[in-house]
Amino acid sequence: MADPDRSPCIPLRKPLAAQLTDRHARLRLAVTIVALAPDRLRFIADRSLPPGTSWTIVVRRWPQLALEITLRSARAHERDTFACEAAVSRLRERDRGRFAALLSAHNAAERV
C-alpha cells in the first residue's frame, strides 16, 4: 500500500544522465534518473546495487547538483538493467534550491 504522506514520484519526460559515486570504494557508475519526488528518486543502473547502501548521485547538467541518497530497492528491469529507488538522505544548502528548481521544472512539464 502506498504511503499517504509521500509525494508521488513524477516520471521525467526527458531522463537525466547522472553519475552514482561511492567515495569510499572509489566506484563510479553512469545512471539515468527517470522519476523525481521531493524525498526520493528513481534511476536505472546497469548493475544491481544493495539496498541500504549510501551513495552520492551527481547531475552535471542544469541544475548541477549532488544528492546524498540511500538505496531503498533495486529490481531487474529490462535488457540487463536494474530499476532503483532511493531516498534523498541529505541535501547540502547550495543544492537545496537547485533540487527544488529541478522538481519545479519537471512538475511544470508534467502539467503541460
PDB file of N, CA and C in Angstrom:
ATOM      1  N   MET A   1       0.839  -1.180   0.000  1.00  0.00           N
ATOM      2  CA  MET A   1       0.000   0.000   0.000  1.00  0.00           C
ATOM      3  C   MET A   1       0.883   1.242   0.000  1.00  0.00           C
ATOM      4  N   ALA A   2       0.490   2.247  -0.749  1.00  0.00           N
ATOM      5  CA  ALA A   2       1.263   3.480  -0.853  1.00  0.00           C
ATOM      6  C   ALA A   2       1.176   4.269   0.446  1.00  0.00           C
ATOM      7  N   ASP A   3       2.259   4.932   0.777  1.00  0.00           N
ATOM      8  CA  ASP A   3       2.313   5.777   1.959  1.00  0.00           C
ATOM      9  C   ASP A   3       1.637   7.103   1.629  1.00  0.00           C
ATOM     10  N   PRO A   4       0.548   7.477   2.353  1.00  0.00           N
ATOM     11  CA  PRO A   4      -0.185   8.697   2.016  1.00  0.00           C
ATOM     12  C   PRO A   4       0.612   9.970   2.269  1.00  0.00           C
ATOM     13  N   ASP A   5       1.676   9.915   3.088  1.00  0.00           N
ATOM     14  CA  ASP A   5       2.474  11.101   3.388  1.00  0.00           C
ATOM     15  C   ASP A   5       3.541  11.373   2.346  1.00  0.00           C
ATOM     16  N   ARG A   6       3.788  10.418   1.467  1.00  0.00           N
ATOM     17  CA  ARG A   6       4.841  10.587   0.467  1.00  0.00           C
ATOM     18  C   ARG A   6       4.267  11.173  -0.809  1.00  0.00           C
ATOM     19  N   SER A   7       5.017  12.098  -1.399  1.00  0.00           N
ATOM     20  CA  SER A   7       4.640  12.670  -2.683  1.00  0.00           C
ATOM     21  C   SER A   7       4.896  11.636  -3.767  1.00  0.00           C
ATOM     22  N   PRO A   8       4.082  11.632  -4.821  1.00  0.00           N
ATOM     23  CA  PRO A   8       4.340  10.666  -5.894  1.00  0.00           C
ATOM     24  C   PRO A   8       5.611  11.018  -6.657  1.00  0.00           C
ATOM     25  N   CYS A   9       6.306   9.994  -7.122  1.00  0.00           N
ATOM     26  CA  CYS A   9       7.479  10.189  -7.975  1.00  0.00           C
ATOM     27  C   CYS A   9       6.948  10.542  -9.367  1.00  0.00           C
ATOM     28  N   ILE A  10       7.348  11.682  -9.897  1.00  0.00           N
ATOM     29  CA  ILE A  10       6.895  12.135 -11.207  1.00  0.00           C
ATOM     30  C   ILE A  10       7.858  11.606 -12.274  1.00  0.00           C
ATOM     31  N   PRO A  11       7.371  10.791 -13.214  1.00  0.00           N
ATOM     32  CA  PRO A  11       8.245  10.342 -14.304  1.00  0.00           C
ATOM     33  C   PRO A  11       8.723  11.543 -15.119  1.00  0.00           C
ATOM     34  N   LEU A  12       9.972  11.547 -15.480  1.00  0.00           N
ATOM     35  CA  LEU A  12      10.533  12.644 -16.260  1.00  0.00           C
ATOM     36  C   LEU A  12      10.279  12.407 -17.744  1.00  0.00           C
ATOM     37  N   ARG A  13       9.909  13.455 -18.457  1.00  0.00           N
ATOM     38  CA  ARG A  13       9.740  13.340 -19.910  1.00  0.00           C
ATOM     39  C   ARG A  13      11.070  13.052 -20.576  1.00  0.00           C
ATOM     40  N   LYS A  14      12.101  13.710 -20.082  1.00  0.00           N
ATOM     41  CA  LYS A  14      13.442  13.501 -20.612  1.00  0.00           C
ATOM     42  C   LYS A  14      14.324  13.060 -19.447  1.00  0.00           C
ATOM     43  N   PRO A  15      14.701  11.781 -19.400  1.00  0.00           N
ATOM     44  CA  PRO A  15      15.529  11.293 -18.294  1.00  0.00           C
ATOM     45  C   PRO A  15      16.838  12.078 -18.187  1.00  0.00           C
ATOM     46  N   LEU A  16      17.364  12.129 -16.970  1.00  0.00           N
ATOM     47  CA  LEU A  16      18.592  12.871 -16.691  1.00  0.00           C
ATOM     48  C   LEU A  16      19.779  11.919 -16.542  1.00  0.00           C
ATOM     49  N   ALA A  17      20.831  12.190 -17.266  1.00  0.00           N
ATOM     50  CA  ALA A  17      22.066  11.426 -17.087  1.00  0.00           C
ATOM     51  C   ALA A  17      22.712  11.889 -15.786  1.00  0.00           C
ATOM     52  N   ALA A  18      23.222  10.948 -15.020  1.00  0.00           N
ATOM     53  CA  ALA A  18      23.859  11.275 -13.747  1.00  0.00           C
ATOM     54  C   ALA A  18      24.958  10.261 -13.467  1.00  0.00           C
ATOM     55  N   GLN A  19      25.692  10.520 -12.409  1.00  0.00           N
ATOM     56  CA  GLN A  19      26.756   9.605 -12.003  1.00  0.00           C
ATOM     57  C   GLN A  19      26.565   9.269 -10.534  1.00  0.00           C
ATOM     58  N   LEU A  20      26.576   7.987 -10.245  1.00  0.00           N
ATOM     59  CA  LEU A  20      26.462   7.491  -8.883  1.00  0.00           C
ATOM     60  C   LEU A  20      27.874   7.242  -8.380  1.00  0.00           C
ATOM     61  N   THR A  21      28.214   7.782  -7.224  1.00  0.00           N
ATOM     62  CA  THR A  21      29.571   7.623  -6.716  1.00  0.00           C
ATOM     63  C   THR A  21      29.572   7.138  -5.273  1.00  0.00           C
ATOM     64  N   ASP A  22      30.593   6.389  -4.956  1.00  0.00           N
ATOM     65  CA  ASP A  22      30.874   5.963  -3.588  1.00  0.00           C
ATOM     66  C   ASP A  22      32.333   6.308  -3.347  1.00  0.00           C
ATOM     67  N   ARG A  23      32.562   7.368  -2.583  1.00  0.00           N
ATOM     68  CA  ARG A  23      33.931   7.833  -2.363  1.00  0.00           C
ATOM     69  C   ARG A  23      34.800   6.800  -1.667  1.00  0.00           C
ATOM     70  N   HIS A  24      34.209   6.027  -0.773  1.00  0.00           N
ATOM     71  CA  HIS A  24      34.990   5.053  -0.009  1.00  0.00           C
ATOM     72  C   HIS A  24      35.493   3.915  -0.891  1.00  0.00           C
ATOM     73  N   ALA A  25      34.645   3.429  -1.780  1.00  0.00           N
ATOM     74  CA  ALA A  25      35.033   2.326  -2.669  1.00  0.00           C
ATOM     75  C   ALA A  25      35.626   2.837  -3.979  1.00  0.00           C
ATOM     76  N   ARG A  26      35.614   4.161  -4.155  1.00  0.00           N
ATOM     77  CA  ARG A  26      36.087   4.779  -5.402  1.00  0.00           C
ATOM     78  C   ARG A  26      35.378   4.193  -6.624  1.00  0.00           C
ATOM     79  N   LEU A  27      34.090   4.042  -6.474  1.00  0.00           N
ATOM     80  CA  LEU A  27      33.263   3.467  -7.520  1.00  0.00           C
ATOM     81  C   LEU A  27      32.422   4.557  -8.157  1.00  0.00           C
ATOM     82  N   ARG A  28      32.363   4.550  -9.494  1.00  0.00           N
ATOM     83  CA  ARG A  28      31.523   5.489 -10.243  1.00  0.00           C
ATOM     84  C   ARG A  28      30.719   4.703 -11.254  1.00  0.00           C
ATOM     85  N   LEU A  29      29.421   4.975 -11.279  1.00  0.00           N
ATOM     86  CA  LEU A  29      28.529   4.308 -12.228  1.00  0.00           C
ATOM     87  C   LEU A  29      27.677   5.345 -12.944  1.00  0.00           C
ATOM     88  N   ALA A  30      27.544   5.203 -14.251  1.00  0.00           N
ATOM     89  CA  ALA A  30      26.616   6.048 -15.006  1.00  0.00           C
ATOM     90  C   ALA A  30      25.213   5.510 -14.750  1.00  0.00           C
ATOM     91  N   VAL A  31      24.287   6.401 -14.428  1.00  0.00           N
ATOM     92  CA  VAL A  31      22.891   6.031 -14.195  1.00  0.00           C
ATOM     93  C   VAL A  31      22.003   7.033 -14.919  1.00  0.00           C
ATOM     94  N   THR A  32      20.730   6.693 -15.027  1.00  0.00           N
ATOM     95  CA  THR A  32      19.753   7.574 -15.652  1.00  0.00           C
ATOM     96  C   THR A  32      18.603   7.786 -14.678  1.00  0.00           C
ATOM     97  N   ILE A  33      18.401   9.031 -14.266  1.00  0.00           N
ATOM     98  CA  ILE A  33      17.285   9.362 -13.375  1.00  0.00           C
ATOM     99  C   ILE A  33      16.019   9.423 -14.219  1.00  0.00           C
ATOM    100  N   VAL A  34      14.999   8.661 -13.798  1.00  0.00           N
ATOM    101  CA  VAL A  34      13.765   8.589 -14.583  1.00  0.00           C
ATOM    102  C   VAL A  34      12.544   9.170 -13.871  1.00  0.00           C
ATOM    103  N   ALA A  35      12.631   9.423 -12.563  1.00  0.00           N
ATOM    104  CA  ALA A  35      11.498   9.980 -11.818  1.00  0.00           C
ATOM    105  C   ALA A  35      12.012  10.688 -10.573  1.00  0.00           C
ATOM    106  N   LEU A  36      11.277  11.740 -10.170  1.00  0.00           N
ATOM    107  CA  LEU A  36      11.671  12.545  -9.015  1.00  0.00           C
ATOM    108  C   LEU A  36      10.486  12.804  -8.096  1.00  0.00           C
ATOM    109  N   ALA A  37      10.782  12.930  -6.812  1.00  0.00           N
ATOM    110  CA  ALA A  37       9.848  13.398  -5.788  1.00  0.00           C
ATOM    111  C   ALA A  37      10.683  14.209  -4.804  1.00  0.00           C
ATOM    112  N   PRO A  38      10.063  15.023  -3.961  1.00  0.00           N
ATOM    113  CA  PRO A  38      10.838  15.841  -3.027  1.00  0.00           C
ATOM    114  C   PRO A  38      11.725  15.032  -2.077  1.00  0.00           C
ATOM    115  N   ASP A  39      11.341  13.792  -1.785  1.00  0.00           N
ATOM    116  CA  ASP A  39      12.092  12.996  -0.810  1.00  0.00           C
ATOM    117  C   ASP A  39      12.785  11.761  -1.395  1.00  0.00           C
ATOM    118  N   ARG A  40      12.651  11.542  -2.707  1.00  0.00           N
ATOM    119  CA  ARG A  40      13.255  10.338  -3.306  1.00  0.00           C
ATOM    120  C   ARG A  40      13.370  10.486  -4.816  1.00  0.00           C
ATOM    121  N   LEU A  41      14.021   9.503  -5.414  1.00  0.00           N
ATOM    122  CA  LEU A  41      14.146   9.477  -6.867  1.00  0.00           C
ATOM    123  C   LEU A  41      14.261   8.039  -7.330  1.00  0.00           C
ATOM    124  N   ARG A  42      14.028   7.864  -8.611  1.00  0.00           N
ATOM    125  CA  ARG A  42      14.173   6.539  -9.236  1.00  0.00           C
ATOM    126  C   ARG A  42      15.171   6.679 -10.365  1.00  0.00           C
ATOM    127  N   PHE A  43      16.006   5.649 -10.510  1.00  0.00           N
ATOM    128  CA  PHE A  43      17.002   5.672 -11.574  1.00  0.00           C
ATOM    129  C   PHE A  43      17.235   4.266 -12.097  1.00  0.00           C
ATOM    130  N   ILE A  44      17.848   4.206 -13.282  1.00  0.00           N
ATOM    131  CA  ILE A  44      18.189   2.947 -13.927  1.00  0.00           C
ATOM    132  C   ILE A  44      19.707   2.805 -13.883  1.00  0.00           C
ATOM    133  N   ALA A  45      20.167   1.629 -13.483  1.00  0.00           N
ATOM    134  CA  ALA A  45      21.602   1.341 -13.413  1.00  0.00           C
ATOM    135  C   ALA A  45      21.879   0.057 -14.184  1.00  0.00           C
ATOM    136  N   ASP A  46      23.132  -0.140 -14.570  1.00  0.00           N
ATOM    137  CA  ASP A  46      23.462  -1.350 -15.319  1.00  0.00           C
ATOM    138  C   ASP A  46      23.927  -2.502 -14.420  1.00  0.00           C
ATOM    139  N   ARG A  47      23.811  -2.311 -13.103  1.00  0.00           N
ATOM    140  CA  ARG A  47      24.115  -3.407 -12.180  1.00  0.00           C
ATOM    141  C   ARG A  47      23.223  -3.318 -10.959  1.00  0.00           C
ATOM    142  N   SER A  48      23.054  -4.446 -10.295  1.00  0.00           N
ATOM    143  CA  SER A  48      22.251  -4.482  -9.087  1.00  0.00           C
ATOM    144  C   SER A  48      23.048  -3.857  -7.946  1.00  0.00           C
ATOM    145  N   LEU A  49      22.380  -3.069  -7.151  1.00  0.00           N
ATOM    146  CA  LEU A  49      23.017  -2.399  -6.021  1.00  0.00           C
ATOM    147  C   LEU A  49      22.326  -2.833  -4.732  1.00  0.00           C
ATOM    148  N   PRO A  50      23.070  -2.984  -3.653  1.00  0.00           N
ATOM    149  CA  PRO A  50      22.461  -3.475  -2.411  1.00  0.00           C
ATOM    150  C   PRO A  50      21.634  -2.411  -1.682  1.00  0.00           C
ATOM    151  N   PRO A  51      20.375  -2.728  -1.369  1.00  0.00           N
ATOM    152  CA  PRO A  51      19.542  -1.801  -0.597  1.00  0.00           C
ATOM    153  C   PRO A  51      20.210  -1.477   0.737  1.00  0.00           C
ATOM    154  N   GLY A  52      19.994  -0.247   1.186  1.00  0.00           N
ATOM    155  CA  GLY A  52      20.571   0.195   2.451  1.00  0.00           C
ATOM    156  C   GLY A  52      21.914   0.889   2.297  1.00  0.00           C
ATOM    157  N   THR A  53      22.504   0.829   1.106  1.00  0.00           N
ATOM    158  CA  THR A  53      23.795   1.473   0.902  1.00  0.00           C
ATOM    159  C   THR A  53      23.608   2.960   0.593  1.00  0.00           C
ATOM    160  N   SER A  54      24.606   3.749   0.954  1.00  0.00           N
ATOM    161  CA  SER A  54      24.567   5.199   0.733  1.00  0.00           C
ATOM    162  C   SER A  54      25.474   5.573  -0.425  1.00  0.00           C
ATOM    163  N   TRP A  55      25.014   6.534  -1.217  1.00  0.00           N
ATOM    164  CA  TRP A  55      25.724   6.976  -2.407  1.00  0.00           C
ATOM    165  C   TRP A  55      25.569   8.483  -2.554  1.00  0.00           C
ATOM    166  N   THR A  56      26.351   9.036  -3.453  1.00  0.00           N
ATOM    167  CA  THR A  56      26.143  10.409  -3.907  1.00  0.00           C
ATOM    168  C   THR A  56      25.779  10.304  -5.377  1.00  0.00           C
ATOM    169  N   ILE A  57      24.696  10.970  -5.767  1.00  0.00           N
ATOM    170  CA  ILE A  57      24.314  10.984  -7.173  1.00  0.00           C
ATOM    171  C   ILE A  57      24.520  12.414  -7.668  1.00  0.00           C
ATOM    172  N   VAL A  58      25.268  12.546  -8.766  1.00  0.00           N
ATOM    173  CA  VAL A  58      25.651  13.853  -9.285  1.00  0.00           C
ATOM    174  C   VAL A  58      25.013  14.072 -10.651  1.00  0.00           C
ATOM    175  N   VAL A  59      24.287  15.174 -10.783  1.00  0.00           N
ATOM    176  CA  VAL A  59      23.712  15.584 -12.054  1.00  0.00           C
ATOM    177  C   VAL A  59      24.596  16.712 -12.569  1.00  0.00           C
ATOM    178  N   ARG A  60      25.148  16.546 -13.748  1.00  0.00           N
ATOM    179  CA  ARG A  60      26.108  17.521 -14.265  1.00  0.00           C
ATOM    180  C   ARG A  60      25.473  18.640 -15.092  1.00  0.00           C
ATOM    181  N   ARG A  61      24.299  18.398 -15.680  1.00  0.00           N
ATOM    182  CA  ARG A  61      23.678  19.468 -16.463  1.00  0.00           C
ATOM    183  C   ARG A  61      22.744  20.277 -15.581  1.00  0.00           C
ATOM    184  N   TRP A  62      22.249  21.395 -16.124  1.00  0.00           N
ATOM    185  CA  TRP A  62      21.440  22.284 -15.298  1.00  0.00           C
ATOM    186  C   TRP A  62      20.294  21.552 -14.656  1.00  0.00           C
ATOM    187  N   PRO A  63      20.007  21.806 -13.410  1.00  0.00           N
ATOM    188  CA  PRO A  63      20.914  22.462 -12.479  1.00  0.00           C
ATOM    189  C   PRO A  63      21.921  21.447 -11.959  1.00  0.00           C
ATOM    190  N   GLN A  64      23.162  21.810 -11.951  1.00  0.00           N
ATOM    191  CA  GLN A  64      24.211  20.918 -11.472  1.00  0.00           C
ATOM    192  C   GLN A  64      24.022  20.728  -9.972  1.00  0.00           C
ATOM    193  N   LEU A  65      23.949  19.474  -9.524  1.00  0.00           N
ATOM    194  CA  LEU A  65      23.765  19.243  -8.101  1.00  0.00           C
ATOM    195  C   LEU A  65      24.256  17.868  -7.691  1.00  0.00           C
ATOM    196  N   ALA A  66      24.458  17.713  -6.396  1.00  0.00           N
ATOM    197  CA  ALA A  66      24.868  16.435  -5.819  1.00  0.00           C
ATOM    198  C   ALA A  66      23.904  16.118  -4.678  1.00  0.00           C
ATOM    199  N   LEU A  67      23.366  14.907  -4.702  1.00  0.00           N
ATOM    200  CA  LEU A  67      22.416  14.475  -3.676  1.00  0.00           C
ATOM    201  C   LEU A  67      22.976  13.276  -2.929  1.00  0.00           C
ATOM    202  N   GLU A  68      22.875  13.309  -1.618  1.00  0.00           N
ATOM    203  CA  GLU A  68      23.225  12.140  -0.817  1.00  0.00           C
ATOM    204  C   GLU A  68      21.972  11.277  -0.768  1.00  0.00           C
ATOM    205  N   ILE A  69      22.103  10.013  -1.167  1.00  0.00           N
ATOM    206  CA  ILE A  69      20.941   9.127  -1.225  1.00  0.00           C
ATOM    207  C   ILE A  69      21.219   7.813  -0.504  1.00  0.00           C
ATOM    208  N   THR A  70      20.150   7.145  -0.094  1.00  0.00           N
ATOM    209  CA  THR A  70      20.221   5.802   0.474  1.00  0.00           C
ATOM    210  C   THR A  70      19.327   4.917  -0.377  1.00  0.00           C
ATOM    211  N   LEU A  71      19.893   3.876  -0.909  1.00  0.00           N
ATOM    212  CA  LEU A  71      19.158   2.991  -1.805  1.00  0.00           C
ATOM    213  C   LEU A  71      18.095   2.212  -1.040  1.00  0.00           C
ATOM    214  N   ARG A  72      16.860   2.279  -1.503  1.00  0.00           N
ATOM    215  CA  ARG A  72      15.752   1.543  -0.887  1.00  0.00           C
ATOM    216  C   ARG A  72      15.536   0.195  -1.556  1.00  0.00           C
ATOM    217  N   SER A  73      15.615   0.188  -2.888  1.00  0.00           N
ATOM    218  CA  SER A  73      15.351  -1.065  -3.602  1.00  0.00           C
ATOM    219  C   SER A  73      16.021  -1.063  -4.970  1.00  0.00           C
ATOM    220  N   ALA A  74      16.262  -2.267  -5.459  1.00  0.00           N
ATOM    221  CA  ALA A  74      16.784  -2.466  -6.825  1.00  0.00           C
ATOM    222  C   ALA A  74      16.147  -3.748  -7.337  1.00  0.00           C
ATOM    223  N   ARG A  75      15.589  -3.683  -8.527  1.00  0.00           N
ATOM    224  CA  ARG A  75      14.959  -4.874  -9.115  1.00  0.00           C
ATOM    225  C   ARG A  75      15.332  -4.957 -10.585  1.00  0.00           C
ATOM    226  N   ALA A  76      15.293  -6.160 -11.106  1.00  0.00           N
ATOM    227  CA  ALA A  76      15.605  -6.351 -12.523  1.00  0.00           C
ATOM    228  C   ALA A  76      14.634  -5.527 -13.352  1.00  0.00           C
ATOM    229  N   HIS A  77      15.158  -4.904 -14.388  1.00  0.00           N
ATOM    230  CA  HIS A  77      14.339  -4.039 -15.237  1.00  0.00           C
ATOM    231  C   HIS A  77      14.274  -4.675 -16.626  1.00  0.00           C
ATOM    232  N   GLU A  78      14.930  -4.127 -17.582  1.00  0.00           N
ATOM    233  CA  GLU A  78      14.933  -4.693 -18.924  1.00  0.00           C
ATOM    234  C   GLU A  78      16.351  -4.664 -19.485  1.00  0.00           C
ATOM    235  N   ARG A  79      16.639  -5.595 -20.360  1.00  0.00           N
ATOM    236  CA  ARG A  79      17.943  -5.679 -21.032  1.00  0.00           C
ATOM    237  C   ARG A  79      19.124  -5.493 -20.079  1.00  0.00           C
ATOM    238  N   ASP A  80      19.197  -6.320 -19.069  1.00  0.00           N
ATOM    239  CA  ASP A  80      20.317  -6.307 -18.126  1.00  0.00           C
ATOM    240  C   ASP A  80      20.490  -4.980 -17.403  1.00  0.00           C
ATOM    241  N   THR A  81      19.386  -4.322 -17.073  1.00  0.00           N
ATOM    242  CA  THR A  81      19.450  -3.108 -16.265  1.00  0.00           C
ATOM    243  C   THR A  81      18.613  -3.309 -15.009  1.00  0.00           C
ATOM    244  N   PHE A  82      18.760  -2.398 -14.066  1.00  0.00           N
ATOM    245  CA  PHE A  82      18.065  -2.500 -12.790  1.00  0.00           C
ATOM    246  C   PHE A  82      17.377  -1.179 -12.468  1.00  0.00           C
ATOM    247  N   ALA A  83      16.121  -1.267 -12.055  1.00  0.00           N
ATOM    248  CA  ALA A  83      15.357  -0.093 -11.631  1.00  0.00           C
ATOM    249  C   ALA A  83      15.584   0.075 -10.135  1.00  0.00           C
ATOM    250  N   CYS A  84      16.040   1.251  -9.744  1.00  0.00           N
ATOM    251  CA  CYS A  84      16.383   1.513  -8.346  1.00  0.00           C
ATOM    252  C   CYS A  84      15.566   2.679  -7.809  1.00  0.00           C
ATOM    253  N   GLU A  85      15.221   2.599  -6.529  1.00  0.00           N
ATOM    254  CA  GLU A  85      14.583   3.718  -5.849  1.00  0.00           C
ATOM    255  C   GLU A  85      15.436   4.070  -4.655  1.00  0.00           C
ATOM    256  N   ALA A  86      15.627   5.365  -4.430  1.00  0.00           N
ATOM    257  CA  ALA A  86      16.473   5.822  -3.335  1.00  0.00           C
ATOM    258  C   ALA A  86      15.826   6.996  -2.621  1.00  0.00           C
ATOM    259  N   ALA A  87      16.046   7.059  -1.320  1.00  0.00           N
ATOM    260  CA  ALA A  87      15.604   8.194  -0.513  1.00  0.00           C
ATOM    261  C   ALA A  87      16.690   9.258  -0.539  1.00  0.00           C
ATOM    262  N   VAL A  88      16.277  10.503  -0.646  1.00  0.00           N
ATOM    263  CA  VAL A  88      17.239  11.602  -0.544  1.00  0.00           C
ATOM    264  C   VAL A  88      17.537  11.755   0.942  1.00  0.00           C
ATOM    265  N   SER A  89      18.779  11.453   1.325  1.00  0.00           N
ATOM    266  CA  SER A  89      19.164  11.440   2.734  1.00  0.00           C
ATOM    267  C   SER A  89      19.496  12.827   3.254  1.00  0.00           C
ATOM    268  N   ARG A  90      20.224  13.557   2.430  1.00  0.00           N
ATOM    269  CA  ARG A  90      20.709  14.848   2.891  1.00  0.00           C
ATOM    270  C   ARG A  90      20.953  15.732   1.676  1.00  0.00           C
ATOM    271  N   LEU A  91      20.566  16.981   1.817  1.00  0.00           N
ATOM    272  CA  LEU A  91      20.823  17.979   0.774  1.00  0.00           C
ATOM    273  C   LEU A  91      21.713  19.063   1.363  1.00  0.00           C
ATOM    274  N   ARG A  92      22.823  19.331   0.704  1.00  0.00           N
ATOM    275  CA  ARG A  92      23.652  20.453   1.128  1.00  0.00           C
ATOM    276  C   ARG A  92      22.881  21.735   0.827  1.00  0.00           C
ATOM    277  N   GLU A  93      23.161  22.771   1.556  1.00  0.00           N
ATOM    278  CA  GLU A  93      22.436  24.033   1.410  1.00  0.00           C
ATOM    279  C   GLU A  93      22.442  24.546  -0.031  1.00  0.00           C
ATOM    280  N   ARG A  94      23.600  24.496  -0.684  1.00  0.00           N
ATOM    281  CA  ARG A  94      23.682  25.018  -2.063  1.00  0.00           C
ATOM    282  C   ARG A  94      22.870  24.169  -3.043  1.00  0.00           C
ATOM    283  N   ASP A  95      22.661  22.882  -2.722  1.00  0.00           N
ATOM    284  CA  ASP A  95      21.913  22.003  -3.613  1.00  0.00           C
ATOM    285  C   ASP A  95      20.411  22.028  -3.341  1.00  0.00           C
ATOM    286  N   ARG A  96      20.003  22.533  -2.193  1.00  0.00           N
ATOM    287  CA  ARG A  96      18.583  22.559  -1.827  1.00  0.00           C
ATOM    288  C   ARG A  96      17.758  23.334  -2.861  1.00  0.00           C
ATOM    289  N   GLY A  97      18.193  24.541  -3.212  1.00  0.00           N
ATOM    290  CA  GLY A  97      17.488  25.361  -4.203  1.00  0.00           C
ATOM    291  C   GLY A  97      17.553  24.759  -5.595  1.00  0.00           C
ATOM    292  N   ARG A  98      18.686  24.167  -5.939  1.00  0.00           N
ATOM    293  CA  ARG A  98      18.835  23.551  -7.260  1.00  0.00           C
ATOM    294  C   ARG A  98      17.901  22.354  -7.412  1.00  0.00           C
ATOM    295  N   PHE A  99      17.780  21.556  -6.360  1.00  0.00           N
ATOM    296  CA  PHE A  99      16.893  20.397  -6.409  1.00  0.00           C
ATOM    297  C   PHE A  99      15.439  20.861  -6.498  1.00  0.00           C
ATOM    298  N   ALA A 100      15.086  21.899  -5.745  1.00  0.00           N
ATOM    299  CA  ALA A 100      13.729  22.450  -5.817  1.00  0.00           C
ATOM    300  C   ALA A 100      13.428  22.969  -7.220  1.00  0.00           C
ATOM    301  N   ALA A 101      14.407  23.618  -7.862  1.00  0.00           N
ATOM    302  CA  ALA A 101      14.221  24.119  -9.232  1.00  0.00           C
ATOM    303  C   ALA A 101      14.031  22.967 -10.209  1.00  0.00           C
ATOM    304  N   LEU A 102      14.795  21.906 -10.026  1.00  0.00           N
ATOM    305  CA  LEU A 102      14.672  20.729 -10.884  1.00  0.00           C
ATOM    306  C   LEU A 102      13.288  20.105 -10.730  1.00  0.00           C
ATOM    307  N   LEU A 103      12.826  19.941  -9.492  1.00  0.00           N
ATOM    308  CA  LEU A 103      11.484  19.400  -9.243  1.00  0.00           C
ATOM    309  C   LEU A 103      10.414  20.292  -9.855  1.00  0.00           C
ATOM    310  N   SER A 104      10.556  21.577  -9.670  1.00  0.00           N
ATOM    311  CA  SER A 104       9.581  22.527 -10.180  1.00  0.00           C
ATOM    312  C   SER A 104       9.518  22.491 -11.705  1.00  0.00           C
ATOM    313  N   ALA A 105      10.666  22.441 -12.341  1.00  0.00           N
ATOM    314  CA  ALA A 105      10.712  22.404 -13.812  1.00  0.00           C
ATOM    315  C   ALA A 105      10.046  21.144 -14.340  1.00  0.00           C
ATOM    316  N   HIS A 106      10.280  20.022 -13.698  1.00  0.00           N
ATOM    317  CA  HIS A 106       9.697  18.771 -14.185  1.00  0.00           C
ATOM    318  C   HIS A 106       8.225  18.660 -13.810  1.00  0.00           C
ATOM    319  N   ASN A 107       7.811  19.232 -12.678  1.00  0.00           N
ATOM    320  CA  ASN A 107       6.389  19.256 -12.353  1.00  0.00           C
ATOM    321  C   ASN A 107       5.620  20.122 -13.341  1.00  0.00           C
ATOM    322  N   ALA A 108       6.206  21.261 -13.745  1.00  0.00           N
ATOM    323  CA  ALA A 108       5.558  22.136 -14.731  1.00  0.00           C
ATOM    324  C   ALA A 108       5.463  21.422 -16.074  1.00  0.00           C
ATOM    325  N   ALA A 109       6.495  20.706 -16.461  1.00  0.00           N
ATOM    326  CA  ALA A 109       6.480  19.974 -17.732  1.00  0.00           C
ATOM    327  C   ALA A 109       5.419  18.876 -17.700  1.00  0.00           C
ATOM    328  N   GLU A 110       5.212  18.279 -16.545  1.00  0.00           N
ATOM    329  CA  GLU A 110       4.227  17.210 -16.406  1.00  0.00           C
ATOM    330  C   GLU A 110       2.806  17.738 -16.586  1.00  0.00           C
ATOM    331  N   ARG A 111       2.578  18.980 -16.166  1.00  0.00           N
ATOM    332  CA  ARG A 111       1.223  19.555 -16.266  1.00  0.00           C
ATOM    333  C   ARG A 111       0.883  20.026 -17.666  1.00  0.00           C
ATOM    334  N   VAL A 112       1.876  20.203 -18.522  1.00  0.00           N
ATOM    335  CA  VAL A 112       1.632  20.698 -19.886  1.00  0.00           C
ATOM    336  C   VAL A 112       0.919  19.666 -20.718  1.00  0.00           C
TER     337      VAL A 112
END
